[in-house]
Protein backbone atom coordinates (compact mmCIF):
# COMPACT_ATOMS: atom_id res chain seq x y z
CA UNK A 1 45.90 -20.51 -17.52
CA UNK A 2 42.62 -20.69 -16.23
CA UNK A 3 40.28 -24.06 -16.02
CA UNK A 4 37.16 -22.82 -17.90
CA UNK A 5 34.02 -20.20 -16.73
CA UNK A 6 31.79 -21.37 -14.10
CA UNK A 7 28.28 -19.64 -14.25
CA UNK A 8 26.49 -18.81 -11.61
CA UNK A 9 22.66 -17.93 -11.13
CA UNK A 10 19.97 -17.12 -9.01
CA UNK A 11 16.74 -18.86 -10.05
CA UNK A 12 13.62 -18.23 -7.13
CA UNK A 13 10.61 -20.45 -6.91
CA UNK A 14 8.49 -17.92 -7.65
CA UNK A 15 9.71 -14.80 -8.70
CA UNK A 16 6.32 -12.66 -8.11
CA UNK A 17 5.72 -13.70 -4.92
CA UNK A 18 4.91 -11.39 -1.81
CA UNK A 19 6.67 -13.20 1.35
CA UNK A 20 5.11 -12.49 4.50
CA UNK A 21 6.94 -12.13 7.48
CA UNK A 22 9.34 -14.50 8.92
CA UNK A 23 8.13 -17.83 8.68
CA UNK A 24 7.55 -17.42 4.53
CA UNK A 25 11.17 -17.75 3.72
CA UNK A 26 12.75 -17.18 0.16
CA UNK A 27 13.36 -19.97 -1.74
CA UNK A 28 14.64 -21.08 -5.22
CA UNK A 29 18.22 -22.64 -6.12
CA UNK A 30 21.61 -21.32 -7.77
CA UNK A 31 22.56 -22.85 -10.64
CA UNK A 32 25.94 -23.42 -11.67
CA UNK A 33 27.50 -24.22 -14.89
CA UNK A 34 30.83 -25.38 -15.72
CA UNK A 35 32.17 -24.53 -19.98
CA UNK A 36 35.94 -25.80 -19.91
CA UNK A 37 38.60 -24.06 -21.25
CA UNK A 38 38.77 -24.55 -25.26
CA UNK A 39 41.42 -26.08 -26.57
CA UNK A 40 41.75 -26.31 -30.03
CA UNK A 41 40.68 -29.87 -31.43
CA UNK A 42 39.91 -31.16 -27.76
CA UNK A 43 35.74 -32.19 -27.26
CA UNK A 44 34.09 -31.94 -24.43
CA UNK A 45 34.46 -35.42 -23.18
CA UNK A 46 38.32 -34.80 -23.19
CA UNK A 47 38.55 -31.13 -21.59
CA UNK A 48 37.28 -33.79 -18.74
CA UNK A 49 35.45 -32.19 -15.45
CA UNK A 50 36.24 -29.55 -12.89
CA UNK A 51 36.60 -30.44 -9.17
CA UNK A 52 38.01 -28.42 -5.87
CA UNK A 53 36.34 -26.61 -3.02
CA UNK A 54 33.65 -24.68 -4.12
CA UNK A 55 31.31 -22.05 -1.53
CA UNK A 56 28.17 -20.22 -2.86
CA UNK A 57 26.85 -17.92 -0.15
CA UNK A 58 24.02 -15.25 -0.39
CA UNK A 59 22.95 -12.42 1.60
CA UNK A 60 19.66 -10.33 2.20
CA UNK A 61 19.91 -6.68 1.89
CA UNK A 62 17.16 -4.11 2.73
CA UNK A 63 18.02 -0.37 1.47
CA UNK A 64 16.12 2.71 2.12
CA UNK A 65 16.01 5.14 -0.28
CA UNK A 66 14.15 9.00 -0.24
CA UNK A 67 14.82 11.98 -2.82
CA UNK A 68 12.64 15.03 -1.78
CA UNK A 69 12.85 17.87 -3.84
CA UNK A 70 10.20 20.60 -3.30
CA UNK A 71 12.10 23.84 -5.41
CA UNK A 72 14.02 23.94 -8.35
CA UNK A 73 17.43 24.18 -6.26
CA UNK A 74 19.32 20.80 -5.18
CA UNK A 75 19.84 23.04 -1.62
CA UNK A 76 16.53 22.37 -0.92
CA UNK A 77 16.84 18.80 -1.36
CA UNK A 78 16.20 15.74 0.86
CA UNK A 79 18.43 12.88 0.12
CA UNK A 80 18.95 9.61 2.22
CA UNK A 81 20.02 6.47 0.69
CA UNK A 82 21.07 3.53 3.44
CA UNK A 83 21.12 0.37 3.76
CA UNK A 84 18.71 -0.39 6.12
CA UNK A 85 19.18 -4.21 6.32
CA UNK A 86 22.22 -6.08 5.77
CA UNK A 87 21.78 -9.72 7.13
CA UNK A 88 24.68 -12.02 7.87
CA UNK A 89 25.62 -14.33 5.19
CA UNK A 90 23.89 -17.96 4.52
CA UNK A 91 26.37 -20.46 3.06
CA UNK A 92 24.57 -22.54 -0.05
CA UNK A 93 27.50 -24.98 -0.41
CA UNK A 94 30.90 -24.78 1.13
CA UNK A 95 32.65 -28.29 0.10
CA UNK A 96 34.40 -30.53 -2.45
CA UNK A 97 32.57 -30.08 -5.83
CA UNK A 98 32.44 -31.52 -9.26
CA UNK A 99 31.37 -30.92 -12.72
CA UNK A 100 31.47 -32.50 -15.96
CA UNK A 101 31.75 -29.86 -18.78
CA UNK A 102 28.79 -28.29 -20.28
CA UNK A 103 27.04 -30.18 -17.01
CA UNK A 104 24.29 -27.54 -14.30
CA UNK A 105 24.23 -28.21 -10.79
CA UNK A 106 21.66 -27.10 -8.95
CA UNK A 107 22.09 -25.95 -4.98
CA UNK A 108 18.59 -25.08 -3.06
CA UNK A 109 18.30 -22.80 -0.34
CA UNK A 110 15.91 -21.06 1.92
CA UNK A 111 16.38 -17.63 3.69
CA UNK A 112 14.20 -15.99 5.97
CA UNK A 113 13.49 -12.57 6.61
CA UNK A 114 14.30 -11.01 10.26
CA UNK A 115 11.06 -9.71 12.27
CA UNK A 116 12.88 -6.47 12.92
CA UNK A 117 15.49 -4.54 11.89
CA UNK A 118 19.44 -5.48 13.27
CA UNK A 119 20.69 -4.07 16.61
CA UNK A 120 22.52 -1.40 14.93
CA UNK A 121 19.78 0.74 14.01
CA UNK A 122 18.72 0.57 18.02
CA UNK A 123 20.36 3.61 18.43
CA UNK A 124 20.22 7.20 16.79
CA UNK A 125 22.48 10.36 17.76
CA UNK A 126 20.99 12.08 20.44
CA UNK A 127 19.10 15.36 19.91
CA UNK A 128 18.05 18.36 21.94
CA UNK A 129 14.80 20.37 20.72
CA UNK A 130 14.78 24.09 21.72
CA UNK A 131 12.16 26.15 22.46
CA UNK A 132 11.14 27.29 18.69
CA UNK A 133 11.01 23.23 18.16
CA UNK A 134 14.26 23.70 16.00
CA UNK A 135 16.52 20.04 16.50
CA UNK A 136 20.19 20.06 16.89
CA UNK A 137 22.07 16.91 17.86
CA UNK A 138 24.36 16.46 20.25
CA UNK A 139 27.09 14.30 21.85
CA UNK A 140 26.49 10.37 21.99
CA UNK A 141 24.24 8.14 20.97
CA UNK A 142 20.57 7.31 22.44
CA UNK A 143 18.16 4.25 22.01
CA UNK A 144 15.59 3.57 20.34
CA UNK A 145 12.54 1.33 19.70
CA UNK A 146 13.58 -1.10 17.36
CA UNK A 147 11.48 -1.21 14.07
CA UNK A 148 9.44 -3.76 12.59
CA UNK A 149 10.57 -4.80 9.11
CA UNK A 150 8.83 -2.40 7.24
CA UNK A 151 7.27 -3.71 3.32
CA UNK A 152 8.17 -3.04 0.09
CA UNK A 153 7.39 -0.04 -1.80
CA UNK A 154 7.92 2.14 -4.55
CA UNK A 155 6.72 5.88 -4.95
CA UNK A 156 8.21 7.80 -8.10
CA UNK A 157 6.80 11.54 -8.98
CA UNK A 158 8.40 14.07 -10.86
CA UNK A 159 6.31 17.37 -12.08
CA UNK A 160 6.55 18.54 -15.45
CA UNK A 161 8.35 21.65 -14.37
CA UNK A 162 11.10 19.50 -12.48
CA UNK A 163 10.75 21.48 -9.95
CA UNK A 164 8.78 18.76 -8.02
CA UNK A 165 10.49 15.31 -7.86
CA UNK A 166 9.30 12.34 -5.12
CA UNK A 167 11.11 9.30 -4.66
CA UNK A 168 11.43 6.96 -2.09
CA UNK A 169 11.80 3.16 -2.15
CA UNK A 170 12.16 -0.20 0.53
CA UNK A 171 13.79 -2.65 -1.36
CA UNK A 172 15.09 -6.04 -0.55
CA UNK A 173 17.50 -7.70 -2.73
CA UNK A 174 19.17 -11.32 -2.74
CA UNK A 175 23.25 -10.94 -3.41
CA UNK A 176 24.99 -13.83 -4.47
CA UNK A 177 28.81 -14.94 -4.27
CA UNK A 178 30.51 -17.74 -5.43
CA UNK A 179 34.43 -18.67 -5.34
CA UNK A 180 36.43 -21.74 -5.70
CA UNK A 181 39.44 -21.01 -3.02
CA UNK A 182 43.21 -22.00 -4.81
CA UNK A 183 41.30 -23.03 -8.57
CA UNK A 184 42.30 -21.02 -11.44
CA UNK A 185 38.57 -20.75 -13.00
CA UNK A 186 36.62 -17.56 -13.87
CA UNK A 187 33.13 -16.57 -12.35
CA UNK A 188 30.76 -15.33 -13.80
CA UNK A 189 28.08 -14.40 -11.66
CA UNK A 190 24.47 -13.28 -13.67
CA UNK A 191 22.33 -11.34 -12.65
CA UNK A 192 24.09 -11.11 -9.10
CA UNK A 193 20.83 -9.66 -7.80
CA UNK A 194 17.19 -10.65 -7.50
CA UNK A 195 14.81 -8.34 -5.60
CA UNK A 196 12.16 -9.81 -3.49
CA UNK A 197 8.92 -8.40 -2.38
CA UNK A 198 7.93 -7.91 1.17
CA UNK A 199 5.42 -7.46 3.69
CA UNK A 200 4.80 -8.12 7.20
CA UNK A 201 3.29 -11.34 8.71
CA UNK A 202 -0.41 -11.61 7.79
CA UNK A 203 -2.79 -11.22 10.16
CA UNK A 204 -4.20 -14.05 11.96
CA UNK A 205 -7.77 -11.91 13.46
CA UNK A 206 -9.64 -9.77 11.64
CA UNK A 207 -9.35 -5.85 13.07
CA UNK A 208 -10.99 -4.51 15.64
CA UNK A 209 -12.51 -1.70 13.57
CA UNK A 210 -14.73 0.59 14.83
CA UNK A 211 -17.29 1.78 12.24
CA UNK A 212 -17.44 6.15 10.78
CA UNK A 213 -20.46 8.18 9.50
CA UNK A 214 -20.58 9.77 6.16
CA UNK A 215 -23.02 12.67 6.40
CA UNK A 216 -24.19 15.58 4.14
CA UNK A 217 -27.15 17.91 4.01
CA UNK A 218 -28.40 17.89 0.43
CA UNK A 219 -31.16 21.14 -0.97
CA UNK A 220 -32.16 20.28 -4.17
CA UNK A 221 -34.71 23.64 -5.92
CA UNK A 222 -36.33 22.50 -8.79
CA UNK A 223 -39.67 22.77 -11.21
CA UNK A 224 -39.31 18.75 -11.99
CA UNK A 225 -39.67 17.96 -8.16
CA UNK A 226 -43.24 18.00 -8.69
CA UNK A 227 -45.80 19.95 -5.63
CA UNK A 228 -46.90 18.98 -2.19
CA UNK A 229 -50.77 19.16 -3.36
CA UNK A 230 -52.04 17.89 -0.29
CA UNK A 231 -51.57 21.26 1.13
CA UNK A 232 -53.24 23.13 -1.48
CA UNK A 233 -56.71 21.66 -0.47
CA UNK A 234 -59.86 21.52 -2.69
CA UNK A 235 -60.99 21.33 -6.51
CA UNK A 236 -60.28 24.39 -7.38
CA UNK A 237 -57.24 25.03 -5.73
CA UNK A 238 -56.05 21.97 -7.75
CA UNK A 239 -57.48 22.99 -11.03
CA UNK A 240 -55.90 26.70 -10.44
CA UNK A 241 -52.65 24.56 -9.89
CA UNK A 242 -52.70 22.47 -13.15
CA UNK A 243 -53.10 25.85 -14.96
CA UNK A 244 -50.74 27.75 -13.33
CA UNK A 245 -47.42 27.55 -14.66
CA UNK A 246 -45.06 25.53 -12.96
CA UNK A 247 -42.89 27.10 -9.97
CA UNK A 248 -39.72 25.63 -8.63
CA UNK A 249 -40.35 23.49 -5.43
CA UNK A 250 -37.81 22.16 -2.50
CA UNK A 251 -36.39 19.10 -1.63
CA UNK A 252 -34.22 18.97 1.79
CA UNK A 253 -32.35 15.43 2.65
CA UNK A 254 -29.66 13.71 4.44
CA UNK A 255 -27.28 11.56 2.56
CA UNK A 256 -25.29 9.33 4.73
CA UNK A 257 -23.20 6.33 4.44
CA UNK A 258 -21.90 4.06 7.53
CA UNK A 259 -19.67 1.25 8.10
CA UNK A 260 -16.81 3.00 7.19
CA UNK A 261 -14.41 1.38 8.45
CA UNK A 262 -10.62 2.37 10.76
CA UNK A 263 -9.09 -0.58 10.11
CA UNK A 264 -8.69 -3.08 7.02
CA UNK A 265 -6.39 -5.33 5.51
CA UNK A 266 -4.50 -6.16 2.34
CA UNK A 267 -7.61 -8.52 0.26
CA UNK A 268 -10.78 -6.99 2.14
CA UNK A 269 -13.71 -6.05 0.00
CA UNK A 270 -15.07 -3.07 1.58
CA UNK A 271 -19.42 -3.05 2.48
CA UNK A 272 -21.22 -0.24 3.58
CA UNK A 273 -24.67 1.21 4.28
CA UNK A 274 -26.24 4.17 2.36
CA UNK A 275 -29.37 6.10 3.16
CA UNK A 276 -30.95 8.93 2.68
CA UNK A 277 -33.42 10.85 5.49
CA UNK A 278 -35.85 13.38 3.86
CA UNK A 279 -36.33 17.02 5.84
CA UNK A 280 -40.04 16.93 5.29
CA UNK A 281 -40.61 20.02 7.19
CA UNK A 282 -38.35 22.16 4.87
CA UNK A 283 -39.79 19.94 1.71
CA UNK A 284 -42.27 20.96 -0.81
CA UNK A 285 -42.71 18.66 -2.84
CA UNK A 286 -45.98 16.27 -2.99
CA UNK A 287 -43.85 12.92 -3.03
CA UNK A 288 -40.34 12.06 -2.83
CA UNK A 289 -38.64 12.03 -6.36
CA UNK A 290 -36.32 9.38 -7.65
CA UNK A 291 -33.15 9.89 -6.05
CA UNK A 292 -30.00 6.96 -7.51
CA UNK A 293 -26.96 6.97 -6.54
CA UNK A 294 -25.15 7.43 -10.00
CA UNK A 295 -21.88 7.06 -8.47
CA UNK A 296 -19.68 5.47 -5.57
CA UNK A 297 -15.91 5.29 -5.24
CA UNK A 298 -13.75 4.55 -2.43
CA UNK A 299 -10.25 6.50 -2.89
CA UNK A 300 -7.41 5.11 -0.47
CA UNK A 301 -5.10 8.06 0.09
CA UNK A 302 -1.26 7.41 0.93
CA UNK A 303 0.87 9.39 3.35
CA UNK A 304 4.12 8.96 3.37
CA UNK A 305 6.44 11.23 5.62
CA UNK A 306 9.88 11.75 6.50
CA UNK A 307 10.37 11.28 9.91
CA UNK A 308 14.49 11.77 10.17
CA UNK A 309 17.15 13.47 9.06
CA UNK A 310 19.28 17.08 9.56
CA UNK A 311 16.58 19.01 7.37
CA UNK A 312 13.88 17.83 9.33
CA UNK A 313 11.89 19.24 11.91
CA UNK A 314 9.14 18.41 14.12
CA UNK A 315 7.04 21.10 12.50
CA UNK A 316 7.90 20.82 9.13
CA UNK A 317 7.84 17.13 7.67
CA UNK A 318 8.03 16.83 4.17
CA UNK A 319 5.32 14.27 2.93
CA UNK A 320 4.03 12.92 -0.14
CA UNK A 321 0.42 12.50 -0.55
CA UNK A 322 -1.38 10.54 -3.45
CA UNK A 323 -4.12 8.79 -4.35
CA UNK A 324 -2.82 4.85 -4.16
CA UNK A 325 -5.74 2.95 -4.85
CA UNK A 326 -9.39 3.61 -6.50
CA UNK A 327 -11.88 1.39 -5.45
CA UNK A 328 -15.18 1.13 -7.64
CA UNK A 329 -18.31 0.38 -5.76
CA UNK A 330 -21.71 -1.31 -7.09
CA UNK A 331 -25.09 -0.49 -4.86
CA UNK A 332 -27.74 -2.73 -4.29
CA UNK A 333 -30.61 -2.87 -4.80
CA UNK A 334 -29.99 -0.85 -8.49
CA UNK A 335 -32.17 1.91 -8.67
CA UNK A 336 -33.86 4.77 -7.11
CA UNK A 337 -33.77 4.83 -3.11
CA UNK A 338 -37.54 3.44 -1.96
CA UNK A 339 -39.66 3.49 1.07
CA UNK A 340 -39.74 -0.40 1.18
CA UNK A 341 -36.10 -0.83 1.75
CA UNK A 342 -36.69 2.37 4.14
CA UNK A 343 -34.92 4.62 1.80
CA UNK A 344 -31.08 2.50 2.37
CA UNK A 345 -28.89 0.12 -0.08
CA UNK A 346 -26.02 -1.45 0.53
CA UNK A 347 -22.96 -0.68 -1.47
CA UNK A 348 -19.40 -2.95 -1.69
CA UNK A 349 -16.30 -2.17 -3.24
CA UNK A 350 -16.23 -4.27 -6.50
CA UNK A 351 -12.14 -5.12 -5.72
CA UNK A 352 -10.52 -5.39 -2.98
CA UNK A 353 -7.59 -3.41 -1.20
CA UNK A 354 -4.48 -4.44 -2.58
CA UNK A 355 -1.01 -2.84 -4.54
CA UNK A 356 -0.12 -0.73 -1.71
CA UNK A 357 2.11 -1.57 1.32
CA UNK A 358 0.43 -1.93 4.56
CA UNK A 359 0.77 0.59 7.14
CA UNK A 360 4.15 1.20 8.91
CA UNK A 361 6.09 3.26 10.96
CA UNK A 362 9.88 3.72 11.35
CA UNK A 363 12.81 6.14 12.53
CA UNK A 364 13.25 7.45 9.32
CA UNK A 365 9.46 6.87 7.51
CA UNK A 366 5.92 6.44 8.13
CA UNK A 367 3.34 5.60 5.90
CA UNK A 368 -0.42 5.91 6.41
CA UNK A 369 -3.72 6.11 5.30
CA UNK A 370 -6.94 7.53 4.61
CA UNK A 371 -10.21 6.80 3.13
CA UNK A 372 -11.81 8.62 1.06
CA UNK A 373 -15.82 8.30 0.38
CA UNK A 374 -17.57 10.36 -2.49
CA UNK A 375 -21.15 9.59 -3.14
CA UNK A 376 -23.14 10.76 -6.22
CA UNK A 377 -26.71 11.27 -5.87
CA UNK A 378 -28.91 12.19 -8.75
CA UNK A 379 -32.34 13.68 -8.24
CA UNK A 380 -34.64 16.22 -10.29
CA UNK A 381 -32.38 16.88 -12.91
CA UNK A 382 -28.84 17.72 -10.68
CA UNK A 383 -26.38 15.97 -9.28
CA UNK A 384 -24.98 16.46 -5.71
CA UNK A 385 -21.75 15.15 -4.19
CA UNK A 386 -20.86 13.67 -0.78
CA UNK A 387 -17.55 13.03 -0.04
CA UNK A 388 -15.29 13.01 3.07
CA UNK A 389 -11.58 11.40 4.08
CA UNK A 390 -11.50 8.96 7.13
CA UNK A 391 -8.03 7.37 8.73
CA UNK A 392 -7.64 4.65 8.40
CA UNK A 393 -4.89 1.63 8.93
CA UNK A 394 -3.98 -1.18 6.64
CA UNK A 395 -2.75 -4.56 8.08
CA UNK A 396 -1.59 -7.20 6.14
CA UNK A 397 -3.77 -9.81 4.27
CA UNK A 398 -5.62 -12.24 6.63
CA UNK A 399 -4.35 -15.44 7.18
CA UNK A 400 -6.65 -18.38 5.17
CA UNK A 401 -5.09 -20.69 8.25
CA UNK A 402 -6.33 -18.91 10.99
CA UNK A 403 -8.15 -20.57 13.68
CA UNK A 404 -12.19 -18.88 13.30
CA UNK A 405 -13.65 -17.81 16.78
CA UNK A 406 -16.83 -17.60 15.11
CA UNK A 407 -17.29 -14.27 15.59
CA UNK A 408 -17.02 -11.08 12.79
CA UNK A 409 -14.97 -8.04 14.46
CA UNK A 410 -14.94 -6.19 11.29
CA UNK A 411 -18.15 -5.52 10.67
CA UNK A 412 -20.08 -6.06 7.49
CA UNK A 413 -16.73 -5.49 4.93
CA UNK A 414 -15.70 -8.94 4.55
CA UNK A 415 -12.58 -10.97 3.76
CA UNK A 416 -11.01 -12.39 0.51
CA UNK A 417 -9.13 -15.64 1.39
CA UNK A 418 -5.88 -14.26 1.34
CA UNK A 419 0.50 -14.75 12.08
CA UNK A 420 1.25 -12.34 15.06
CA UNK A 421 -0.95 -9.62 16.77
CA UNK A 422 0.19 -6.22 15.40
CA UNK A 423 1.34 -2.92 16.87
CA UNK A 424 -1.26 -0.34 17.53
CA UNK A 425 -0.51 2.44 15.04
CA UNK A 426 -2.99 5.32 16.22
CA UNK A 427 0.02 7.45 17.01
CA UNK A 428 0.74 7.19 13.33
CA UNK A 429 -1.98 9.30 12.45
CA UNK A 430 -1.88 11.48 15.45
CA UNK A 431 1.20 13.31 15.27
CA UNK A 432 0.15 16.71 13.20
CA UNK A 433 -2.54 17.10 10.62
CA UNK A 434 -1.29 15.93 7.14
CA UNK A 435 -1.54 18.36 3.97
CA UNK A 436 -4.88 18.25 2.05
CA UNK A 437 -4.89 16.14 -0.96
CA UNK A 438 -5.58 18.80 -3.89
CA UNK A 439 -8.33 17.73 -6.65
CA UNK A 440 -5.78 17.83 -9.36
CA UNK A 441 -3.22 15.68 -7.32
CA UNK A 442 -1.15 13.43 -9.80
CA UNK A 443 -1.66 9.68 -8.94
CA UNK A 444 2.29 7.94 -8.65
CA UNK A 445 3.89 4.94 -9.82
CA UNK A 446 3.04 2.92 -6.46
CA UNK A 447 3.01 -0.56 -4.86
CA UNK A 448 4.58 -3.71 -3.87
CA UNK A 449 7.97 -3.57 -5.08
CA UNK A 450 7.86 -5.26 -8.63
CA UNK A 451 10.33 -8.09 -8.94
CA UNK A 452 12.90 -8.03 -11.80
CA UNK A 453 16.79 -9.11 -11.95
CA UNK A 454 19.13 -7.15 -13.62
């Protein structure tokens, strides 16, 4: 006969918190409530209390899921679903226990993430690559470098035709186990899994970023640009010009953008300098007309590439490409370019880089990024666009408790207050040219894994 029911549930201190590295533990408590067996005519007080040995254990589990379909046939799918982290059980409580009917007791816990994937992930099947780039598995296993624990993330996209489906995710959950050895009691755990958001450790120093440069030549031909009258000379020519129908004039200039970083961090506001250089030799205008920046945007393009699998060859690695974040920009001072400011302006994003995982590389999956800088200028009733993509490494946020060395290595881009030196990720973007993103490429659901309980 059962003595009643014991209900256990996980409560996180902050269910929406992102945990940065092994020094940022997952904290909370396990709430245990006892409901004694209902016997006709007995009150709660008469049913008494429950006592005996109680074990409460928790585990931290990490899982990788990949589904990549490139056509309508299931045979062309690449699928992978595996546990990448199975941390050993942590005892929240293991000892004597006593509880009254209707009472709830709380057992606090604090679990930490490991810095790297476990030792079981340090070997892989030996492979042989033939002269045509084909790869086959041969007997035995070989050592591989330990992967740093990757951040949580999720991509989910299905095309309207169903021919393309891309689902990739790395999730971390807490699993709860409760038992009372030798005691006839019903135990209900609900929900027994809680999703945890994880990101790599915050950085102590600003990234040593190098600046990239965008340049685009613009040629405007219009009758609204005015005339280079000083070359006409004399009153007669000026009068003739006045009574002559307007003719198309030409303005040639370069639009450029500097201070485009190749390393950024989550939480960073990006700043740039935008300017123009007039080609006076090939322009036939009197004065420089009003040239206005009518639009300025920065898009973060995410590349998620499958690195391992029996269907994968070095030459053809399935890659998901999508716009992970669009950052609107603002320009200062407002209005047209002027000689007083040497035809330059400062531009900044109106919000920081956020809601995406940092760059990472592991044996199964690689995540890297590009910054797409887009500038639109308006002059003489016409608009011209300048756009280019630049490889960029996205680091975790900057540690607000870092010790400042008095220098700003990140250049003009500045931090928003949001520990270990990070490894170089140059090899992430060096392995082959990634596919190009079409203008109509859809945006997908993406970001750090959302906390939920179920």
